[in-house]
Amino acid sequence: MARNDVLQTGELTDTYYYILLALVEARHGYLIMKTIEELTKGSFTVGPASMYTSIKKLLSAGMIEQLEEEKDKKTYIITEQGISLLKNDIKRREEMIQQAKTIFSQKGEDF
């Protein structure tokens, strides 16, 4: 399936996942990147070009919305549709982790 279809399938890329998670609270671009860096303790970062491309796609898909500009900063927040998508993706990721734990457990491996 084409990468452009991830918003329809609900299988979010890590970039979409973290942007949506960061936007549970309204944030502007730089603060989104900083929040992701803090959430992941630096293990995952989103650069400006990737972030703004993703924001454009998330806006177009109705997953986030832009609030009124404040001091020349565009501020975004997740929509109800985006929250639903994010929650479904979290459940999907939890199932994947549980499946992996089951496989390791069956092989006598600690996880």
N, C-alpha and C. Protein backbone atom coordinates (compact mmCIF):
# COMPACT_ATOMS: atom_id res chain seq x y z
N MET A 1 0.85 -1.17 0.00
CA MET A 1 0.00 0.00 0.00
C MET A 1 0.89 1.24 0.00
N ALA A 2 0.51 2.22 -0.73
CA ALA A 2 1.31 3.43 -0.84
C ALA A 2 1.40 4.15 0.51
N ARG A 3 2.52 4.78 0.72
CA ARG A 3 2.75 5.49 1.98
C ARG A 3 1.71 6.59 2.21
N ASN A 4 1.18 7.16 1.15
CA ASN A 4 0.17 8.22 1.28
C ASN A 4 -1.12 7.72 1.89
N ASP A 5 -1.33 6.42 1.90
CA ASP A 5 -2.58 5.86 2.39
C ASP A 5 -2.59 5.62 3.90
N VAL A 6 -1.50 5.91 4.59
CA VAL A 6 -1.43 5.57 6.01
C VAL A 6 -2.50 6.26 6.84
N LEU A 7 -2.93 7.42 6.45
CA LEU A 7 -3.97 8.11 7.22
C LEU A 7 -5.32 7.43 7.03
N GLN A 8 -5.52 6.73 5.91
CA GLN A 8 -6.76 6.00 5.69
C GLN A 8 -6.72 4.62 6.37
N THR A 9 -5.56 3.97 6.37
CA THR A 9 -5.46 2.64 6.95
C THR A 9 -5.40 2.67 8.47
N GLY A 10 -4.98 3.78 9.02
CA GLY A 10 -4.85 3.87 10.47
C GLY A 10 -3.51 3.37 10.97
N GLU A 11 -2.64 2.92 10.07
CA GLU A 11 -1.31 2.47 10.46
C GLU A 11 -0.35 3.65 10.33
N LEU A 12 -0.29 4.41 11.38
CA LEU A 12 0.47 5.66 11.35
C LEU A 12 1.97 5.43 11.31
N THR A 13 2.66 6.29 10.58
CA THR A 13 4.12 6.31 10.68
C THR A 13 4.47 6.87 12.05
N ASP A 14 5.70 6.67 12.47
CA ASP A 14 6.11 7.22 13.76
C ASP A 14 6.01 8.75 13.76
N THR A 15 6.30 9.37 12.62
CA THR A 15 6.21 10.83 12.54
C THR A 15 4.78 11.30 12.78
N TYR A 16 3.81 10.69 12.08
CA TYR A 16 2.41 11.06 12.30
C TYR A 16 2.00 10.78 13.74
N TYR A 17 2.39 9.62 14.25
CA TYR A 17 2.04 9.22 15.61
C TYR A 17 2.49 10.29 16.62
N TYR A 18 3.75 10.66 16.55
CA TYR A 18 4.27 11.61 17.53
C TYR A 18 3.72 13.02 17.35
N ILE A 19 3.49 13.43 16.10
CA ILE A 19 2.89 14.75 15.89
C ILE A 19 1.48 14.79 16.48
N LEU A 20 0.68 13.76 16.20
CA LEU A 20 -0.68 13.72 16.76
C LEU A 20 -0.64 13.68 18.28
N LEU A 21 0.26 12.89 18.84
CA LEU A 21 0.37 12.80 20.29
C LEU A 21 0.77 14.15 20.89
N ALA A 22 1.69 14.83 20.25
CA ALA A 22 2.12 16.15 20.74
C ALA A 22 0.98 17.16 20.67
N LEU A 23 0.08 16.97 19.69
CA LEU A 23 -1.00 17.94 19.49
C LEU A 23 -2.27 17.64 20.29
N VAL A 24 -2.17 16.77 21.28
CA VAL A 24 -3.28 16.62 22.22
C VAL A 24 -3.46 17.95 22.95
N GLU A 25 -2.38 18.72 23.03
CA GLU A 25 -2.42 20.10 23.50
C GLU A 25 -2.01 20.99 22.33
N ALA A 26 -2.59 22.17 22.23
CA ALA A 26 -2.26 23.09 21.14
C ALA A 26 -0.79 23.49 21.22
N ARG A 27 -0.12 23.39 20.05
CA ARG A 27 1.30 23.75 19.99
C ARG A 27 1.64 24.32 18.62
N HIS A 28 2.68 25.12 18.58
CA HIS A 28 3.21 25.61 17.30
C HIS A 28 4.35 24.70 16.87
N GLY A 29 4.83 24.90 15.65
CA GLY A 29 5.80 23.99 15.04
C GLY A 29 7.02 23.66 15.87
N TYR A 30 7.74 24.67 16.33
CA TYR A 30 8.94 24.41 17.10
C TYR A 30 8.62 23.63 18.38
N LEU A 31 7.53 23.98 19.02
CA LEU A 31 7.16 23.30 20.26
C LEU A 31 6.74 21.86 20.00
N ILE A 32 6.18 21.58 18.83
CA ILE A 32 5.86 20.19 18.47
C ILE A 32 7.15 19.38 18.41
N MET A 33 8.15 19.90 17.71
CA MET A 33 9.43 19.20 17.60
C MET A 33 10.08 19.01 18.96
N LYS A 34 10.04 20.04 19.79
CA LYS A 34 10.63 19.97 21.12
C LYS A 34 9.90 18.95 22.00
N THR A 35 8.57 18.92 21.91
CA THR A 35 7.77 17.98 22.69
C THR A 35 8.10 16.54 22.31
N ILE A 36 8.22 16.29 21.00
CA ILE A 36 8.55 14.94 20.53
C ILE A 36 9.92 14.53 21.05
N GLU A 37 10.87 15.44 20.97
CA GLU A 37 12.22 15.15 21.45
C GLU A 37 12.19 14.82 22.95
N GLU A 38 11.42 15.58 23.72
CA GLU A 38 11.32 15.33 25.16
C GLU A 38 10.59 14.03 25.47
N LEU A 39 9.47 13.77 24.76
CA LEU A 39 8.71 12.54 24.98
C LEU A 39 9.56 11.30 24.75
N THR A 40 10.39 11.35 23.71
CA THR A 40 11.19 10.18 23.32
C THR A 40 12.59 10.21 23.91
N LYS A 41 12.85 11.19 24.74
CA LYS A 41 14.19 11.37 25.34
C LYS A 41 15.27 11.38 24.26
N GLY A 42 14.92 11.99 23.12
CA GLY A 42 15.87 12.16 22.03
C GLY A 42 16.03 10.97 21.10
N SER A 43 15.30 9.88 21.36
CA SER A 43 15.45 8.69 20.51
C SER A 43 14.73 8.84 19.17
N PHE A 44 13.85 9.83 19.07
CA PHE A 44 13.14 10.09 17.81
C PHE A 44 13.03 11.59 17.65
N THR A 45 13.43 12.08 16.49
CA THR A 45 13.31 13.51 16.22
C THR A 45 12.63 13.70 14.87
N VAL A 46 11.97 14.81 14.73
CA VAL A 46 11.32 15.19 13.48
C VAL A 46 11.92 16.52 13.05
N GLY A 47 12.47 16.54 11.86
CA GLY A 47 13.03 17.78 11.33
C GLY A 47 11.93 18.69 10.81
N PRO A 48 12.24 19.96 10.62
CA PRO A 48 11.23 20.92 10.18
C PRO A 48 10.56 20.56 8.85
N ALA A 49 11.33 20.15 7.86
CA ALA A 49 10.74 19.84 6.55
C ALA A 49 9.76 18.68 6.65
N SER A 50 10.16 17.63 7.33
CA SER A 50 9.30 16.46 7.51
C SER A 50 8.06 16.81 8.33
N MET A 51 8.27 17.60 9.37
CA MET A 51 7.14 17.96 10.23
C MET A 51 6.11 18.79 9.48
N TYR A 52 6.56 19.81 8.76
CA TYR A 52 5.59 20.67 8.08
C TYR A 52 4.91 19.97 6.91
N THR A 53 5.60 19.04 6.26
CA THR A 53 4.96 18.21 5.23
C THR A 53 3.88 17.35 5.87
N SER A 54 4.19 16.75 7.01
CA SER A 54 3.23 15.91 7.72
C SER A 54 2.06 16.73 8.24
N ILE A 55 2.33 17.91 8.76
CA ILE A 55 1.27 18.79 9.25
C ILE A 55 0.31 19.13 8.11
N LYS A 56 0.85 19.44 6.96
CA LYS A 56 0.01 19.76 5.80
C LYS A 56 -0.92 18.59 5.46
N LYS A 57 -0.38 17.38 5.49
CA LYS A 57 -1.20 16.19 5.18
C LYS A 57 -2.23 15.93 6.28
N LEU A 58 -1.83 16.11 7.53
CA LEU A 58 -2.76 15.91 8.64
C LEU A 58 -3.88 16.95 8.61
N LEU A 59 -3.55 18.17 8.26
CA LEU A 59 -4.58 19.22 8.11
C LEU A 59 -5.55 18.85 7.00
N SER A 60 -5.02 18.44 5.87
CA SER A 60 -5.83 18.09 4.70
C SER A 60 -6.76 16.92 5.00
N ALA A 61 -6.29 15.99 5.83
CA ALA A 61 -7.08 14.81 6.18
C ALA A 61 -8.05 15.07 7.33
N GLY A 62 -7.99 16.26 7.93
CA GLY A 62 -8.90 16.60 9.03
C GLY A 62 -8.49 16.02 10.37
N MET A 63 -7.24 15.59 10.50
CA MET A 63 -6.76 15.00 11.75
C MET A 63 -6.31 16.05 12.76
N ILE A 64 -5.92 17.21 12.24
CA ILE A 64 -5.55 18.35 13.08
C ILE A 64 -6.18 19.59 12.48
N GLU A 65 -6.21 20.64 13.27
CA GLU A 65 -6.69 21.92 12.76
C GLU A 65 -5.76 23.03 13.22
N GLN A 66 -5.75 24.08 12.43
CA GLN A 66 -4.94 25.24 12.78
C GLN A 66 -5.79 26.22 13.56
N LEU A 67 -5.26 26.67 14.68
CA LEU A 67 -5.93 27.68 15.48
C LEU A 67 -5.50 29.05 14.95
N GLU A 68 -6.06 30.09 15.49
CA GLU A 68 -5.69 31.43 15.05
C GLU A 68 -4.21 31.67 15.30
N GLU A 69 -3.58 32.32 14.33
CA GLU A 69 -2.16 32.64 14.47
C GLU A 69 -1.95 33.61 15.61
N GLU A 70 -0.89 33.36 16.35
CA GLU A 70 -0.55 34.22 17.47
C GLU A 70 0.92 34.59 17.36
N LYS A 71 1.22 35.86 17.25
CA LYS A 71 2.60 36.34 17.14
C LYS A 71 3.33 35.67 15.98
N ASP A 72 2.70 35.61 14.84
CA ASP A 72 3.28 35.01 13.63
C ASP A 72 3.59 33.52 13.77
N LYS A 73 2.97 32.85 14.72
CA LYS A 73 3.16 31.42 14.89
C LYS A 73 1.86 30.70 14.59
N LYS A 74 1.95 29.68 13.76
CA LYS A 74 0.78 28.85 13.48
C LYS A 74 0.69 27.79 14.57
N THR A 75 -0.45 27.73 15.21
CA THR A 75 -0.68 26.78 16.29
C THR A 75 -1.69 25.74 15.83
N TYR A 76 -1.43 24.49 16.19
CA TYR A 76 -2.26 23.38 15.75
C TYR A 76 -2.75 22.59 16.95
N ILE A 77 -3.85 21.85 16.74
CA ILE A 77 -4.38 20.95 17.77
C ILE A 77 -5.05 19.78 17.07
N ILE A 78 -5.03 18.64 17.73
CA ILE A 78 -5.64 17.43 17.18
C ILE A 78 -7.17 17.58 17.18
N THR A 79 -7.83 17.00 16.18
CA THR A 79 -9.30 17.02 16.11
C THR A 79 -9.84 15.72 16.72
N GLU A 80 -11.16 15.64 16.87
CA GLU A 80 -11.77 14.40 17.36
C GLU A 80 -11.44 13.23 16.44
N GLN A 81 -11.45 13.49 15.14
CA GLN A 81 -11.11 12.45 14.16
C GLN A 81 -9.65 12.01 14.36
N GLY A 82 -8.79 12.96 14.62
CA GLY A 82 -7.38 12.65 14.87
C GLY A 82 -7.20 11.86 16.16
N ILE A 83 -7.96 12.22 17.19
CA ILE A 83 -7.89 11.48 18.46
C ILE A 83 -8.31 10.04 18.24
N SER A 84 -9.37 9.83 17.51
CA SER A 84 -9.85 8.48 17.22
C SER A 84 -8.78 7.68 16.47
N LEU A 85 -8.18 8.29 15.47
CA LEU A 85 -7.13 7.63 14.69
C LEU A 85 -5.94 7.29 15.59
N LEU A 86 -5.53 8.22 16.42
CA LEU A 86 -4.40 8.00 17.32
C LEU A 86 -4.69 6.88 18.31
N LYS A 87 -5.87 6.88 18.90
CA LYS A 87 -6.22 5.81 19.86
C LYS A 87 -6.24 4.45 19.19
N ASN A 88 -6.77 4.38 17.97
CA ASN A 88 -6.78 3.11 17.24
C ASN A 88 -5.36 2.64 16.93
N ASP A 89 -4.50 3.58 16.60
CA ASP A 89 -3.11 3.21 16.31
C ASP A 89 -2.40 2.75 17.57
N ILE A 90 -2.69 3.37 18.69
CA ILE A 90 -2.09 2.93 19.96
C ILE A 90 -2.53 1.50 20.27
N LYS A 91 -3.81 1.20 20.08
CA LYS A 91 -4.29 -0.17 20.29
C LYS A 91 -3.58 -1.15 19.37
N ARG A 92 -3.40 -0.75 18.11
CA ARG A 92 -2.72 -1.60 17.13
C ARG A 92 -1.28 -1.87 17.58
N ARG A 93 -0.61 -0.84 18.04
CA ARG A 93 0.78 -1.00 18.50
C ARG A 93 0.85 -1.87 19.75
N GLU A 94 -0.12 -1.72 20.65
CA GLU A 94 -0.15 -2.56 21.85
C GLU A 94 -0.33 -4.03 21.47
N GLU A 95 -1.20 -4.30 20.49
CA GLU A 95 -1.40 -5.67 20.02
C GLU A 95 -0.12 -6.23 19.42
N MET A 96 0.59 -5.43 18.67
CA MET A 96 1.85 -5.87 18.08
C MET A 96 2.86 -6.24 19.17
N ILE A 97 2.94 -5.42 20.20
CA ILE A 97 3.86 -5.69 21.30
C ILE A 97 3.46 -6.97 22.03
N GLN A 98 2.16 -7.14 22.26
CA GLN A 98 1.70 -8.35 22.93
C GLN A 98 2.02 -9.59 22.11
N GLN A 99 1.85 -9.51 20.80
CA GLN A 99 2.18 -10.63 19.92
C GLN A 99 3.67 -10.97 20.01
N ALA A 100 4.51 -9.95 20.03
CA ALA A 100 5.95 -10.18 20.14
C ALA A 100 6.29 -10.82 21.48
N LYS A 101 5.68 -10.34 22.56
CA LYS A 101 5.92 -10.92 23.87
C LYS A 101 5.50 -12.38 23.92
N THR A 102 4.38 -12.69 23.29
CA THR A 102 3.90 -14.08 23.23
C THR A 102 4.91 -14.97 22.52
N ILE A 103 5.41 -14.51 21.40
CA ILE A 103 6.40 -15.29 20.63
C ILE A 103 7.65 -15.52 21.45
N PHE A 104 8.17 -14.47 22.09
CA PHE A 104 9.37 -14.62 22.91
C PHE A 104 9.11 -15.56 24.08
N SER A 105 7.94 -15.43 24.70
CA SER A 105 7.58 -16.28 25.83
C SER A 105 7.52 -17.75 25.43
N GLN A 106 6.96 -18.02 24.26
CA GLN A 106 6.87 -19.40 23.76
C GLN A 106 8.24 -20.01 23.53
N LYS A 107 9.21 -19.18 23.26
CA LYS A 107 10.59 -19.64 23.04
C LYS A 107 11.40 -19.62 24.34
N GLY A 108 10.74 -19.31 25.45
CA GLY A 108 11.42 -19.29 26.73
C GLY A 108 12.30 -18.08 26.95
N GLU A 109 12.09 -17.06 26.15
CA GLU A 109 12.88 -15.84 26.26
C GLU A 109 12.18 -14.84 27.16
N ASP A 110 12.95 -14.23 28.03
CA ASP A 110 12.41 -13.14 28.83
C ASP A 110 12.30 -11.90 27.97
N PHE A 111 11.32 -11.11 28.24
CA PHE A 111 11.16 -9.87 27.49
C PHE A 111 11.15 -8.71 28.43
